[in-house]
Amino acid sequence: MTPFKLKIVTPDGLKYDGMAEMVVARTTTGEIGIMAKHINLVAPLGMGRALITVDGKEKKASCIGGILSVISGEVSLVPTTFEWAEDIDVKRAENAMAESREAIAKKDISQMELKMAEARLKRALVRLSVASDK
């Protein structure tokens, strides 16, 4: 496959800057695959697994929120959070999942607290799914 320039940047800093053969990420409307010579594109990222192919090897990551852009053959992934599968703290994700489920089960929870707990649960489930698929 033909490589292209890929940069992955989060609010916490640069996660990757180099060449890649393919990027698969979840947008808010579904998964998208990007290869060399893709048309220009800007898409909002959803919550899910990202697959980055570098030197013929696929790397998995948890990718949540942000944007994906392709401009003149260069791809930028600018997620709110991005964690390579090997860097995911499984214990922390399990704790977040348990705490979120407890919060959701409460009878006196406000709609705002419920939405926040549901979002934390979804993030934890994405991380656990990616970590288990190393």
N, C-alpha and C. Protein backbone atom coordinates (compact mmCIF):
# COMPACT_ATOMS: atom_id res chain seq x y z
N MET A 1 0.84 -1.19 0.00
CA MET A 1 0.00 0.00 0.00
C MET A 1 0.88 1.25 0.00
N THR A 2 0.37 2.29 -0.61
CA THR A 2 1.10 3.55 -0.68
C THR A 2 0.96 4.32 0.63
N PRO A 3 2.07 4.75 1.23
CA PRO A 3 1.99 5.50 2.49
C PRO A 3 1.62 6.97 2.28
N PHE A 4 1.11 7.57 3.34
CA PHE A 4 0.78 8.99 3.36
C PHE A 4 1.18 9.56 4.72
N LYS A 5 1.23 10.88 4.81
CA LYS A 5 1.61 11.57 6.05
C LYS A 5 0.42 11.55 7.01
N LEU A 6 0.69 11.12 8.25
CA LEU A 6 -0.34 11.07 9.30
C LEU A 6 0.17 11.75 10.55
N LYS A 7 -0.67 12.61 11.11
CA LYS A 7 -0.35 13.25 12.38
C LYS A 7 -1.55 13.04 13.30
N ILE A 8 -1.27 12.55 14.52
CA ILE A 8 -2.31 12.37 15.54
C ILE A 8 -1.93 13.27 16.71
N VAL A 9 -2.81 14.24 16.99
CA VAL A 9 -2.55 15.22 18.04
C VAL A 9 -3.77 15.31 18.95
N THR A 10 -3.55 15.26 20.26
CA THR A 10 -4.62 15.41 21.25
C THR A 10 -4.31 16.64 22.10
N PRO A 11 -5.24 17.05 22.96
CA PRO A 11 -4.93 18.15 23.88
C PRO A 11 -3.72 17.84 24.78
N ASP A 12 -3.43 16.55 24.96
CA ASP A 12 -2.28 16.14 25.78
C ASP A 12 -0.98 16.11 25.01
N GLY A 13 -1.03 16.31 23.69
CA GLY A 13 0.19 16.34 22.90
C GLY A 13 0.17 15.44 21.69
N LEU A 14 1.32 15.36 21.05
CA LEU A 14 1.51 14.58 19.83
C LEU A 14 1.55 13.09 20.15
N LYS A 15 0.71 12.31 19.48
CA LYS A 15 0.67 10.86 19.67
C LYS A 15 1.37 10.11 18.54
N TYR A 16 1.37 10.72 17.34
CA TYR A 16 2.03 10.08 16.21
C TYR A 16 2.29 11.12 15.13
N ASP A 17 3.44 11.04 14.50
CA ASP A 17 3.78 11.93 13.40
C ASP A 17 4.69 11.13 12.47
N GLY A 18 4.13 10.64 11.39
CA GLY A 18 4.92 9.82 10.49
C GLY A 18 4.09 9.35 9.31
N MET A 19 4.53 8.28 8.70
CA MET A 19 3.85 7.72 7.54
C MET A 19 2.94 6.58 7.97
N ALA A 20 1.85 6.39 7.23
CA ALA A 20 0.91 5.29 7.48
C ALA A 20 0.35 4.84 6.14
N GLU A 21 -0.16 3.62 6.10
CA GLU A 21 -0.77 3.11 4.88
C GLU A 21 -2.29 3.18 4.93
N MET A 22 -2.85 3.17 6.15
CA MET A 22 -4.30 3.23 6.27
C MET A 22 -4.69 3.69 7.67
N VAL A 23 -5.81 4.41 7.73
CA VAL A 23 -6.41 4.82 9.00
C VAL A 23 -7.88 4.43 8.92
N VAL A 24 -8.35 3.74 9.93
CA VAL A 24 -9.78 3.45 10.06
C VAL A 24 -10.20 4.05 11.39
N ALA A 25 -11.24 4.90 11.36
CA ALA A 25 -11.71 5.54 12.59
C ALA A 25 -13.23 5.65 12.56
N ARG A 26 -13.81 5.76 13.74
CA ARG A 26 -15.26 5.92 13.84
C ARG A 26 -15.60 7.40 13.83
N THR A 27 -16.42 7.80 12.87
CA THR A 27 -16.95 9.16 12.86
C THR A 27 -18.32 9.12 13.53
N THR A 28 -18.96 10.26 13.60
CA THR A 28 -20.29 10.29 14.22
C THR A 28 -21.34 9.62 13.36
N THR A 29 -21.00 9.31 12.10
CA THR A 29 -21.96 8.64 11.21
C THR A 29 -21.52 7.23 10.83
N GLY A 30 -20.43 6.74 11.40
CA GLY A 30 -19.96 5.38 11.10
C GLY A 30 -18.47 5.35 10.85
N GLU A 31 -17.96 4.16 10.57
CA GLU A 31 -16.53 4.00 10.34
C GLU A 31 -16.13 4.52 8.97
N ILE A 32 -14.90 5.05 8.91
CA ILE A 32 -14.35 5.52 7.65
C ILE A 32 -12.93 5.00 7.53
N GLY A 33 -12.56 4.62 6.31
CA GLY A 33 -11.20 4.18 6.03
C GLY A 33 -10.52 5.19 5.14
N ILE A 34 -9.30 5.54 5.48
CA ILE A 34 -8.53 6.51 4.70
C ILE A 34 -7.27 5.83 4.19
N MET A 35 -7.04 5.94 2.89
CA MET A 35 -5.81 5.45 2.27
C MET A 35 -5.20 6.60 1.47
N ALA A 36 -4.03 6.37 0.92
CA ALA A 36 -3.35 7.39 0.13
C ALA A 36 -4.26 7.90 -0.99
N LYS A 37 -4.13 9.17 -1.30
CA LYS A 37 -4.86 9.84 -2.37
C LYS A 37 -6.36 9.97 -2.10
N HIS A 38 -6.74 9.92 -0.82
CA HIS A 38 -8.14 10.11 -0.45
C HIS A 38 -8.54 11.55 -0.78
N ILE A 39 -9.78 11.77 -1.13
CA ILE A 39 -10.26 13.13 -1.38
C ILE A 39 -10.19 13.96 -0.10
N ASN A 40 -10.14 15.28 -0.24
CA ASN A 40 -10.16 16.15 0.93
C ASN A 40 -11.45 15.92 1.71
N LEU A 41 -11.33 15.96 3.04
CA LEU A 41 -12.45 15.59 3.89
C LEU A 41 -12.24 16.15 5.29
N VAL A 42 -13.32 16.54 5.93
CA VAL A 42 -13.30 16.86 7.36
C VAL A 42 -14.51 16.15 7.95
N ALA A 43 -14.29 15.37 9.02
CA ALA A 43 -15.39 14.62 9.63
C ALA A 43 -15.24 14.64 11.15
N PRO A 44 -16.37 14.77 11.86
CA PRO A 44 -16.32 14.71 13.32
C PRO A 44 -16.13 13.26 13.77
N LEU A 45 -15.26 13.07 14.75
CA LEU A 45 -15.01 11.73 15.27
C LEU A 45 -16.04 11.36 16.32
N GLY A 46 -16.39 10.09 16.34
CA GLY A 46 -17.28 9.56 17.36
C GLY A 46 -16.46 8.92 18.46
N MET A 47 -16.97 7.82 18.97
CA MET A 47 -16.32 7.11 20.06
C MET A 47 -16.10 5.67 19.62
N GLY A 48 -14.85 5.23 19.51
CA GLY A 48 -14.61 3.87 19.07
C GLY A 48 -13.15 3.54 18.89
N ARG A 49 -12.92 2.44 18.21
CA ARG A 49 -11.58 1.93 17.96
C ARG A 49 -11.03 2.58 16.70
N ALA A 50 -9.76 2.91 16.73
CA ALA A 50 -9.06 3.38 15.54
C ALA A 50 -8.02 2.33 15.18
N LEU A 51 -7.86 2.10 13.90
CA LEU A 51 -6.84 1.17 13.40
C LEU A 51 -5.90 1.97 12.50
N ILE A 52 -4.62 1.91 12.83
CA ILE A 52 -3.61 2.62 12.07
C ILE A 52 -2.64 1.58 11.51
N THR A 53 -2.49 1.53 10.19
CA THR A 53 -1.57 0.58 9.57
C THR A 53 -0.27 1.31 9.23
N VAL A 54 0.82 0.82 9.85
CA VAL A 54 2.15 1.39 9.66
C VAL A 54 3.09 0.25 9.32
N ASP A 55 3.81 0.37 8.20
CA ASP A 55 4.75 -0.67 7.76
C ASP A 55 4.08 -2.05 7.70
N GLY A 56 2.83 -2.07 7.25
CA GLY A 56 2.10 -3.33 7.10
C GLY A 56 1.56 -3.91 8.39
N LYS A 57 1.80 -3.25 9.52
CA LYS A 57 1.31 -3.75 10.82
C LYS A 57 0.20 -2.85 11.33
N GLU A 58 -0.85 -3.47 11.82
CA GLU A 58 -2.00 -2.74 12.33
C GLU A 58 -1.85 -2.45 13.81
N LYS A 59 -2.01 -1.17 14.18
CA LYS A 59 -1.98 -0.76 15.58
C LYS A 59 -3.39 -0.31 15.96
N LYS A 60 -3.84 -0.72 17.16
CA LYS A 60 -5.17 -0.37 17.61
C LYS A 60 -5.10 0.69 18.69
N ALA A 61 -6.16 1.51 18.74
CA ALA A 61 -6.23 2.57 19.75
C ALA A 61 -7.67 2.89 20.07
N SER A 62 -7.87 3.46 21.22
CA SER A 62 -9.15 4.03 21.62
C SER A 62 -9.12 5.49 21.15
N CYS A 63 -10.15 5.90 20.40
CA CYS A 63 -10.18 7.24 19.81
C CYS A 63 -11.56 7.83 20.09
N ILE A 64 -11.58 8.95 20.83
CA ILE A 64 -12.86 9.49 21.28
C ILE A 64 -12.95 10.99 21.00
N GLY A 65 -13.97 11.37 20.23
CA GLY A 65 -14.25 12.77 19.96
C GLY A 65 -13.21 13.44 19.07
N GLY A 66 -13.49 14.67 18.66
CA GLY A 66 -12.54 15.44 17.86
C GLY A 66 -12.88 15.44 16.39
N ILE A 67 -11.84 15.60 15.55
CA ILE A 67 -12.05 15.64 14.10
C ILE A 67 -10.98 14.85 13.35
N LEU A 68 -11.33 14.48 12.15
CA LEU A 68 -10.42 13.82 11.21
C LEU A 68 -10.42 14.70 9.97
N SER A 69 -9.23 15.00 9.46
CA SER A 69 -9.19 15.77 8.21
C SER A 69 -8.18 15.17 7.25
N VAL A 70 -8.51 15.29 5.99
CA VAL A 70 -7.60 14.92 4.90
C VAL A 70 -7.51 16.16 4.02
N ILE A 71 -6.30 16.72 3.93
CA ILE A 71 -6.10 17.91 3.13
C ILE A 71 -4.84 17.71 2.29
N SER A 72 -5.01 17.73 0.99
CA SER A 72 -3.91 17.56 0.03
C SER A 72 -3.06 16.32 0.34
N GLY A 73 -3.74 15.23 0.68
CA GLY A 73 -3.05 13.96 0.91
C GLY A 73 -2.50 13.76 2.30
N GLU A 74 -2.54 14.78 3.15
CA GLU A 74 -2.06 14.65 4.53
C GLU A 74 -3.26 14.45 5.45
N VAL A 75 -3.13 13.50 6.35
CA VAL A 75 -4.23 13.14 7.25
C VAL A 75 -3.89 13.61 8.66
N SER A 76 -4.87 14.28 9.27
CA SER A 76 -4.73 14.72 10.66
C SER A 76 -5.88 14.12 11.46
N LEU A 77 -5.53 13.46 12.53
CA LEU A 77 -6.50 12.92 13.47
C LEU A 77 -6.32 13.76 14.72
N VAL A 78 -7.37 14.48 15.11
CA VAL A 78 -7.28 15.38 16.25
C VAL A 78 -8.38 15.00 17.25
N PRO A 79 -8.20 13.88 17.94
CA PRO A 79 -9.22 13.41 18.88
C PRO A 79 -9.10 14.09 20.24
N THR A 80 -10.20 14.07 20.97
CA THR A 80 -10.19 14.57 22.34
C THR A 80 -9.32 13.66 23.21
N THR A 81 -9.50 12.35 23.04
CA THR A 81 -8.62 11.38 23.72
C THR A 81 -8.23 10.29 22.73
N PHE A 82 -7.00 9.83 22.87
CA PHE A 82 -6.45 8.79 22.00
C PHE A 82 -5.46 7.98 22.82
N GLU A 83 -5.72 6.69 22.92
CA GLU A 83 -4.81 5.81 23.69
C GLU A 83 -4.50 4.57 22.87
N TRP A 84 -3.22 4.32 22.64
CA TRP A 84 -2.81 3.08 22.00
C TRP A 84 -3.24 1.93 22.90
N ALA A 85 -3.61 0.80 22.32
CA ALA A 85 -4.12 -0.35 23.07
C ALA A 85 -3.19 -0.74 24.22
N GLU A 86 -1.89 -0.74 23.96
CA GLU A 86 -0.94 -1.16 24.98
C GLU A 86 -0.79 -0.15 26.12
N ASP A 87 -1.29 1.08 25.93
CA ASP A 87 -1.18 2.11 26.96
C ASP A 87 -2.43 2.25 27.81
N ILE A 88 -3.48 1.52 27.47
CA ILE A 88 -4.74 1.64 28.21
C ILE A 88 -4.59 1.01 29.60
N ASP A 89 -4.98 1.77 30.60
CA ASP A 89 -4.98 1.30 31.99
C ASP A 89 -6.29 0.55 32.22
N VAL A 90 -6.24 -0.77 32.11
CA VAL A 90 -7.44 -1.60 32.20
C VAL A 90 -8.11 -1.46 33.56
N LYS A 91 -7.35 -1.44 34.63
CA LYS A 91 -7.94 -1.30 35.98
C LYS A 91 -8.72 0.00 36.08
N ARG A 92 -8.13 1.08 35.58
CA ARG A 92 -8.79 2.39 35.63
C ARG A 92 -10.09 2.35 34.82
N ALA A 93 -10.06 1.74 33.65
CA ALA A 93 -11.26 1.63 32.81
C ALA A 93 -12.33 0.77 33.49
N GLU A 94 -11.91 -0.32 34.14
CA GLU A 94 -12.86 -1.17 34.86
C GLU A 94 -13.49 -0.41 36.02
N ASN A 95 -12.68 0.38 36.74
CA ASN A 95 -13.22 1.19 37.84
C ASN A 95 -14.21 2.23 37.31
N ALA A 96 -13.87 2.88 36.22
CA ALA A 96 -14.76 3.88 35.62
C ALA A 96 -16.07 3.23 35.19
N MET A 97 -15.99 2.02 34.64
CA MET A 97 -17.19 1.31 34.22
C MET A 97 -18.07 1.01 35.43
N ALA A 98 -17.47 0.49 36.50
CA ALA A 98 -18.23 0.15 37.70
C ALA A 98 -18.87 1.39 38.33
N GLU A 99 -18.10 2.47 38.45
CA GLU A 99 -18.62 3.71 39.03
C GLU A 99 -19.76 4.28 38.18
N SER A 100 -19.61 4.21 36.88
CA SER A 100 -20.65 4.72 35.98
C SER A 100 -21.93 3.91 36.12
N ARG A 101 -21.80 2.60 36.18
CA ARG A 101 -22.98 1.74 36.33
C ARG A 101 -23.69 2.00 37.66
N GLU A 102 -22.90 2.22 38.72
CA GLU A 102 -23.49 2.55 40.02
C GLU A 102 -24.26 3.87 39.94
N ALA A 103 -23.68 4.86 39.31
CA ALA A 103 -24.34 6.17 39.19
C ALA A 103 -25.63 6.05 38.38
N ILE A 104 -25.59 5.29 37.29
CA ILE A 104 -26.76 5.12 36.43
C ILE A 104 -27.89 4.41 37.19
N ALA A 105 -27.54 3.50 38.09
CA ALA A 105 -28.54 2.73 38.84
C ALA A 105 -29.23 3.54 39.94
N LYS A 106 -28.69 4.69 40.30
CA LYS A 106 -29.29 5.51 41.36
C LYS A 106 -30.65 6.03 40.92
N LYS A 107 -31.57 6.08 41.88
CA LYS A 107 -32.93 6.54 41.59
C LYS A 107 -33.01 8.07 41.54
N ASP A 108 -32.18 8.76 42.31
CA ASP A 108 -32.28 10.21 42.44
C ASP A 108 -31.26 10.97 41.59
N ILE A 109 -30.84 10.40 40.49
CA ILE A 109 -29.82 11.03 39.64
C ILE A 109 -30.50 12.03 38.69
N SER A 110 -29.87 13.18 38.51
CA SER A 110 -30.41 14.19 37.58
C SER A 110 -30.13 13.75 36.14
N GLN A 111 -30.84 14.37 35.20
CA GLN A 111 -30.65 14.05 33.79
C GLN A 111 -29.22 14.36 33.36
N MET A 112 -28.64 15.45 33.87
CA MET A 112 -27.27 15.82 33.53
C MET A 112 -26.29 14.78 34.07
N GLU A 113 -26.48 14.37 35.32
CA GLU A 113 -25.61 13.35 35.91
C GLU A 113 -25.75 12.03 35.17
N LEU A 114 -26.97 11.70 34.75
CA LEU A 114 -27.20 10.47 34.00
C LEU A 114 -26.47 10.50 32.67
N LYS A 115 -26.56 11.60 31.94
CA LYS A 115 -25.86 11.72 30.65
C LYS A 115 -24.35 11.63 30.82
N MET A 116 -23.83 12.25 31.87
CA MET A 116 -22.38 12.20 32.12
C MET A 116 -21.95 10.78 32.48
N ALA A 117 -22.74 10.09 33.29
CA ALA A 117 -22.41 8.71 33.67
C ALA A 117 -22.48 7.79 32.46
N GLU A 118 -23.47 8.00 31.59
CA GLU A 118 -23.57 7.18 30.37
C GLU A 118 -22.38 7.41 29.46
N ALA A 119 -21.94 8.66 29.34
CA ALA A 119 -20.76 8.96 28.50
C ALA A 119 -19.50 8.32 29.09
N ARG A 120 -19.33 8.39 30.43
CA ARG A 120 -18.17 7.75 31.07
C ARG A 120 -18.21 6.24 30.85
N LEU A 121 -19.40 5.66 30.92
CA LEU A 121 -19.54 4.22 30.69
C LEU A 121 -19.15 3.87 29.26
N LYS A 122 -19.61 4.63 28.28
CA LYS A 122 -19.26 4.36 26.88
C LYS A 122 -17.76 4.46 26.66
N ARG A 123 -17.13 5.49 27.23
CA ARG A 123 -15.66 5.64 27.08
C ARG A 123 -14.94 4.44 27.69
N ALA A 124 -15.38 4.02 28.88
CA ALA A 124 -14.75 2.88 29.55
C ALA A 124 -14.92 1.61 28.72
N LEU A 125 -16.09 1.42 28.14
CA LEU A 125 -16.34 0.22 27.33
C LEU A 125 -15.49 0.22 26.07
N VAL A 126 -15.30 1.38 25.44
CA VAL A 126 -14.44 1.46 24.26
C VAL A 126 -13.01 1.10 24.65
N ARG A 127 -12.51 1.68 25.74
CA ARG A 127 -11.15 1.39 26.18
C ARG A 127 -10.96 -0.09 26.48
N LEU A 128 -11.91 -0.68 27.20
CA LEU A 128 -11.80 -2.11 27.54
C LEU A 128 -11.85 -2.98 26.29
N SER A 129 -12.70 -2.62 25.35
CA SER A 129 -12.79 -3.38 24.11
C SER A 129 -11.48 -3.33 23.33
N VAL A 130 -10.89 -2.15 23.22
CA VAL A 130 -9.61 -2.00 22.50
C VAL A 130 -8.50 -2.73 23.25
N ALA A 131 -8.46 -2.59 24.57
CA ALA A 131 -7.40 -3.23 25.37
C ALA A 131 -7.49 -4.76 25.28
N SER A 132 -8.69 -5.30 25.19
CA SER A 132 -8.83 -6.76 25.14
C SER A 132 -8.52 -7.31 23.77
N ASP A 133 -8.44 -6.43 22.77
CA ASP A 133 -8.21 -6.84 21.38
C ASP A 133 -6.78 -6.54 20.94
N LYS A 134 -5.85 -6.52 21.89
CA LYS A 134 -4.43 -6.20 21.58
C LYS A 134 -3.92 -7.21 20.65
